[in-house]
C-alpha atoms as a PDB file:
ATOM      1  CA  MET A   1     150.110  79.475  57.692  1.00  0.00           C
ATOM      2  CA  PHE A   2     147.708  82.390  57.102  1.00  0.00           C
ATOM      3  CA  LYS A   3     149.348  85.587  55.302  1.00  0.00           C
ATOM      4  CA  HIS A   4     146.502  87.882  54.819  1.00  0.00           C
ATOM      5  CA  ILE A   5     143.678  87.743  56.920  1.00  0.00           C
ATOM      6  CA  LEU A   6     140.284  89.929  56.458  1.00  0.00           C
ATOM      7  CA  MET A   7     138.658  91.210  59.379  1.00  0.00           C
ATOM      8  CA  PRO A   8     134.803  92.374  59.178  1.00  0.00           C
ATOM      9  CA  THR A   9     133.784  94.770  62.116  1.00  0.00           C
ATOM     10  CA  ASP A  10     130.312  96.084  62.716  1.00  0.00           C
ATOM     11  CA  GLY A  11     131.455  98.274  65.613  1.00  0.00           C
ATOM     12  CA  THR A  12     129.753  95.882  68.388  1.00  0.00           C
ATOM     13  CA  GLU A  13     131.414  94.691  71.255  1.00  0.00           C
ATOM     14  CA  HIS A  14     131.439  91.308  69.956  1.00  0.00           C
ATOM     15  CA  SER A  15     133.043  92.179  66.819  1.00  0.00           C
ATOM     16  CA  GLU A  16     135.867  94.000  68.629  1.00  0.00           C
ATOM     17  CA  ARG A  17     136.588  90.764  70.717  1.00  0.00           C
ATOM     18  CA  ALA A  18     136.788  88.859  67.377  1.00  0.00           C
ATOM     19  CA  VAL A  19     139.140  91.732  66.043  1.00  0.00           C
ATOM     20  CA  GLU A  20     141.209  91.584  69.002  1.00  0.00           C
ATOM     21  CA  ARG A  21     141.619  87.561  68.679  1.00  0.00           C
ATOM     22  CA  GLY A  22     142.251  88.048  65.255  1.00  0.00           C
ATOM     23  CA  ILE A  23     145.259  90.258  65.646  1.00  0.00           C
ATOM     24  CA  GLU A  24     146.977  87.849  67.923  1.00  0.00           C
ATOM     25  CA  LEU A  25     146.388  85.104  65.215  1.00  0.00           C
ATOM     26  CA  ALA A  26     147.847  87.215  62.697  1.00  0.00           C
ATOM     27  CA  LYS A  27     150.476  88.185  64.915  1.00  0.00           C
ATOM     28  CA  LEU A  28     151.317  84.930  65.478  1.00  0.00           C
ATOM     29  CA  CYS A  29     151.196  84.047  61.605  1.00  0.00           C
ATOM     30  CA  GLY A  30     153.093  86.858  60.632  1.00  0.00           C
ATOM     31  CA  ALA A  31     150.148  87.626  59.057  1.00  0.00           C
ATOM     32  CA  LYS A  32     149.029  91.161  57.434  1.00  0.00           C
ATOM     33  CA  LEU A  33     145.337  92.437  58.120  1.00  0.00           C
ATOM     34  CA  THR A  34     142.866  94.486  56.043  1.00  0.00           C
ATOM     35  CA  GLY A  35     139.924  95.541  58.373  1.00  0.00           C
ATOM     36  CA  ILE A  36     136.503  96.121  56.431  1.00  0.00           C
ATOM     37  CA  HIS A  37     133.315  97.684  57.067  1.00  0.00           C
ATOM     38  CA  VAL A  38     130.333  97.272  54.999  1.00  0.00           C
ATOM     39  CA  MET A  39     127.861 100.109  54.319  1.00  0.00           C
ATOM     40  CA  GLN A  40     124.722 100.018  53.269  1.00  0.00           C
ATOM     41  CA  ASP A  41     124.225 101.220  49.499  1.00  0.00           C
ATOM     42  CA  TYR A  42     120.973 103.294  50.020  1.00  0.00           C
ATOM     43  CA  ARG A  43     120.782 104.344  46.123  1.00  0.00           C
ATOM     44  CA  MET A  44     120.770 100.569  45.136  1.00  0.00           C
ATOM     45  CA  MET A  45     117.990  99.675  47.672  1.00  0.00           C
ATOM     46  CA  LEU A  46     115.807 102.488  46.731  1.00  0.00           C
ATOM     47  CA  GLY A  47     116.346 102.409  43.011  1.00  0.00           C
ATOM     48  CA  PRO A  48     117.537 104.779  40.571  1.00  0.00           C
ATOM     49  CA  GLU A  49     114.743 107.925  41.197  1.00  0.00           C
ATOM     50  CA  GLY A  50     115.072 106.943  44.901  1.00  0.00           C
ATOM     51  CA  LEU A  51     112.221 107.056  47.512  1.00  0.00           C
ATOM     52  CA  VAL A  52     113.990 109.889  49.901  1.00  0.00           C
ATOM     53  CA  PRO A  53     114.962 113.290  48.972  1.00  0.00           C
ATOM     54  CA  SER A  54     118.830 112.969  47.911  1.00  0.00           C
ATOM     55  CA  GLU A  55     119.780 115.384  50.860  1.00  0.00           C
ATOM     56  CA  LEU A  56     118.383 112.987  53.109  1.00  0.00           C
ATOM     57  CA  ASP A  57     120.393 110.008  51.123  1.00  0.00           C
ATOM     58  CA  GLU A  58     123.650 112.017  51.626  1.00  0.00           C
ATOM     59  CA  ASP A  59     123.089 112.897  55.232  1.00  0.00           C
ATOM     60  CA  MET A  60     122.684 108.841  55.872  1.00  0.00           C
ATOM     61  CA  GLU A  61     125.726 108.240  53.966  1.00  0.00           C
ATOM     62  CA  ALA A  62     127.899 110.802  55.564  1.00  0.00           C
ATOM     63  CA  ARG A  63     126.671 109.542  58.924  1.00  0.00           C
ATOM     64  CA  ASP A  64     127.332 105.901  58.324  1.00  0.00           C
ATOM     65  CA  SER A  65     130.566 106.981  57.001  1.00  0.00           C
ATOM     66  CA  GLU A  66     131.814 108.496  60.121  1.00  0.00           C
ATOM     67  CA  ARG A  67     130.559 105.265  62.422  1.00  0.00           C
ATOM     68  CA  ALA A  68     132.583 103.138  59.833  1.00  0.00           C
ATOM     69  CA  LYS A  69     135.564 105.324  60.037  1.00  0.00           C
ATOM     70  CA  SER A  70     135.278 104.819  64.019  1.00  0.00           C
ATOM     71  CA  PHE A  71     135.011 101.245  64.009  1.00  0.00           C
ATOM     72  CA  LEU A  72     137.883 100.539  61.694  1.00  0.00           C
ATOM     73  CA  ALA A  73     139.635 103.426  63.809  1.00  0.00           C
ATOM     74  CA  PHE A  74     139.515 100.831  66.469  1.00  0.00           C
ATOM     75  CA  VAL A  75     141.095  97.780  64.173  1.00  0.00           C
ATOM     76  CA  GLN A  76     143.815  99.908  63.010  1.00  0.00           C
ATOM     77  CA  LYS A  77     144.541 101.274  66.499  1.00  0.00           C
ATOM     78  CA  THR A  78     144.816  97.738  67.996  1.00  0.00           C
ATOM     79  CA  ALA A  79     146.847  96.217  65.334  1.00  0.00           C
ATOM     80  CA  ASP A  80     149.142  99.008  65.449  1.00  0.00           C
ATOM     81  CA  ALA A  81     149.884  98.334  68.998  1.00  0.00           C
ATOM     82  CA  ALA A  82     150.389  94.522  68.315  1.00  0.00           C
ATOM     83  CA  GLY A  83     152.907  95.791  65.690  1.00  0.00           C
ATOM     84  CA  VAL A  84     150.587  94.049  62.835  1.00  0.00           C
ATOM     85  CA  SER A  85     150.666  95.665  59.637  1.00  0.00           C
ATOM     86  CA  CYS A  86     146.906  96.389  58.847  1.00  0.00           C
ATOM     87  CA  GLU A  87     144.919  98.524  56.196  1.00  0.00           C
ATOM     88  CA  THR A  88     141.236  99.643  56.608  1.00  0.00           C
ATOM     89  CA  ILE A  89     138.602  99.689  54.056  1.00  0.00           C
ATOM     90  CA  ILE A  90     135.070 100.690  53.780  1.00  0.00           C
ATOM     91  CA  VAL A  91     132.889  99.097  51.365  1.00  0.00           C
ATOM     92  CA  LYS A  92     129.405  99.724  50.057  1.00  0.00           C
ATOM     93  CA  GLY A  93     126.797  96.837  49.283  1.00  0.00           C
ATOM     94  CA  MET A  94     123.394  95.784  49.314  1.00  0.00           C
ATOM     95  CA  GLN A  95     124.706  92.412  51.415  1.00  0.00           C
ATOM     96  CA  PRO A  96     127.493  92.296  53.446  1.00  0.00           C
ATOM     97  CA  TYR A  97     128.380  88.753  53.404  1.00  0.00           C
ATOM     98  CA  ASP A  98     128.575  89.269  49.270  1.00  0.00           C
ATOM     99  CA  ALA A  99     130.829  92.283  50.073  1.00  0.00           C
ATOM    100  CA  ILE A 100     133.059  90.504  52.455  1.00  0.00           C
ATOM    101  CA  VAL A 101     133.572  87.663  50.319  1.00  0.00           C
ATOM    102  CA  ASP A 102     134.212  89.863  47.230  1.00  0.00           C
ATOM    103  CA  THR A 103     136.784  91.675  49.245  1.00  0.00           C
ATOM    104  CA  ALA A 104     138.514  88.820  50.410  1.00  0.00           C
ATOM    105  CA  ASN A 105     139.073  87.255  46.738  1.00  0.00           C
ATOM    106  CA  ASP A 106     139.981  90.584  45.453  1.00  0.00           C
ATOM    107  CA  ARG A 107     142.600  91.245  47.855  1.00  0.00           C
ATOM    108  CA  GLY A 108     144.058  87.392  48.167  1.00  0.00           C
ATOM    109  CA  CYS A 109     143.135  86.898  51.656  1.00  0.00           C
ATOM    110  CA  ASP A 110     143.471  83.404  52.972  1.00  0.00           C
ATOM    111  CA  LEU A 111     141.377  83.939  55.977  1.00  0.00           C
ATOM    112  CA  ILE A 112     138.245  85.772  57.440  1.00  0.00           C
ATOM    113  CA  VAL A 113     137.872  86.167  60.980  1.00  0.00           C
ATOM    114  CA  MET A 114     134.759  87.657  62.399  1.00  0.00           C
ATOM    115  CA  THR A 115     132.227  87.417  65.167  1.00  0.00           C
ATOM    116  CA  SER A 116     128.980  85.233  64.809  1.00  0.00           C
ATOM    117  CA  ARG A 117     125.756  86.350  66.918  1.00  0.00           C
ATOM    118  CA  HIS A 118     123.356  83.977  68.097  1.00  0.00           C
ATOM    119  CA  ARG A 119     119.953  84.478  67.444  1.00  0.00           C
ATOM    120  CA  LYS A 120     116.754  82.710  68.541  1.00  0.00           C
ATOM    121  CA  GLY A 121     113.272  81.357  67.051  1.00  0.00           C
ATOM    122  CA  LEU A 122     111.854  83.167  64.207  1.00  0.00           C
ATOM    123  CA  VAL A 123     114.779  86.085  64.287  1.00  0.00           C
ATOM    124  CA  SER A 124     117.095  83.601  63.286  1.00  0.00           C
ATOM    125  CA  MET A 125     114.567  82.102  60.436  1.00  0.00           C
ATOM    126  CA  ILE A 126     114.303  85.953  59.094  1.00  0.00           C
ATOM    127  CA  LEU A 127     117.710  87.325  59.746  1.00  0.00           C
ATOM    128  CA  GLY A 128     119.770  84.847  59.887  1.00  0.00           C
ATOM    129  CA  SER A 129     123.449  85.156  60.288  1.00  0.00           C
ATOM    130  CA  GLU A 130     126.000  87.153  58.140  1.00  0.00           C
ATOM    131  CA  ALA A 131     128.581  84.961  59.441  1.00  0.00           C
ATOM    132  CA  SER A 132     126.946  81.832  58.343  1.00  0.00           C
ATOM    133  CA  ARG A 133     126.072  83.408  54.718  1.00  0.00           C
ATOM    134  CA  VAL A 134     129.769  84.236  54.746  1.00  0.00           C
ATOM    135  CA  LEU A 135     130.960  80.891  55.717  1.00  0.00           C
ATOM    136  CA  HIS A 136     128.630  79.231  53.218  1.00  0.00           C
ATOM    137  CA  ARG A 137     129.926  81.519  50.414  1.00  0.00           C
ATOM    138  CA  ALA A 138     133.197  81.837  50.961  1.00  0.00           C
ATOM    139  CA  SER A 139     136.132  79.499  49.252  1.00  0.00           C
ATOM    140  CA  ILE A 140     138.546  80.319  51.843  1.00  0.00           C
ATOM    141  CA  PRO A 141     138.417  79.648  55.738  1.00  0.00           C
ATOM    142  CA  VAL A 142     136.477  81.572  57.942  1.00  0.00           C
ATOM    143  CA  LEU A 143     137.036  81.422  61.777  1.00  0.00           C
ATOM    144  CA  THR A 144     134.262  82.617  63.975  1.00  0.00           C
ATOM    145  CA  PHE A 145     134.134  83.700  67.274  1.00  0.00           C
ATOM    146  CA  ARG A 146     130.859  83.288  69.109  1.00  0.00           C
ATOM    147  CA  ALA A 147     129.175  86.129  70.717  1.00  0.00           C
ATOM    148  CA  LEU A 148     128.330  84.494  73.617  1.00  0.00           C
ATOM    149  CA  MET A 149     130.462  83.150  76.356  1.00  0.00           C
ATOM    150  CA  SER A 150     129.200  80.312  78.464  1.00  0.00           C
ATOM    151  CA  ALA A 151     129.214  81.185  82.490  1.00  0.00           C
ATOM    152  CA  ASP A 152     132.170  79.368  83.123  1.00  0.00           C
ATOM    153  CA  HIS A 153     134.468  80.851  80.313  1.00  0.00           C
ATOM    154  CA  PRO A 154     137.816  82.278  81.823  1.00  0.00           C
ATOM    155  CA  GLU A 155     137.203  85.930  80.543  1.00  0.00           C
ATOM    156  CA  LYS A 156     133.548  85.911  82.341  1.00  0.00           C
ATOM    157  CA  LEU A 157     135.398  84.857  85.614  1.00  0.00           C
ATOM    158  CA  LYS A 158     137.868  87.656  85.544  1.00  0.00           C
ATOM    159  CA  PRO A 159     137.434  90.020  88.219  1.00  0.00           C
ATOM    160  CA  SER A 160     136.492  93.829  86.824  1.00  0.00           C
ATOM    161  CA  SER A 161     139.270  96.343  87.950  1.00  0.00           C
END
């Protein structure tokens, strides 16, 4: 079935749940994983001259890089615990959906597993959804896990320990 799954993460709880389910799927299929986090490329956003001092740009990049490493550490740790082959990468880009799809294509992935958050009203019209953009641009299947659970979902009914 699937041989190489790309799993974007933004470090949110919703993203971590999608990672856990994606790893379960990878284990069932015998697939390998690539965990990815897309960092904003501030230099592209600010232009060649830059709008902020370069030391501030370096600080933002260093902070973002540390956050990305911690997000991807969760992916690696969870995959290792499940016995699933996994590598992780940090990619820079202006648009996360472009970086995700480009990475999937470059690495020969045959599935993208990610979370999709529901936004309402004007926010959804302005921001949209990265998952929706990936879905419309990707030439491979995209499996999305909704961030919201219904009140009767089995995981919501579990007693807390």
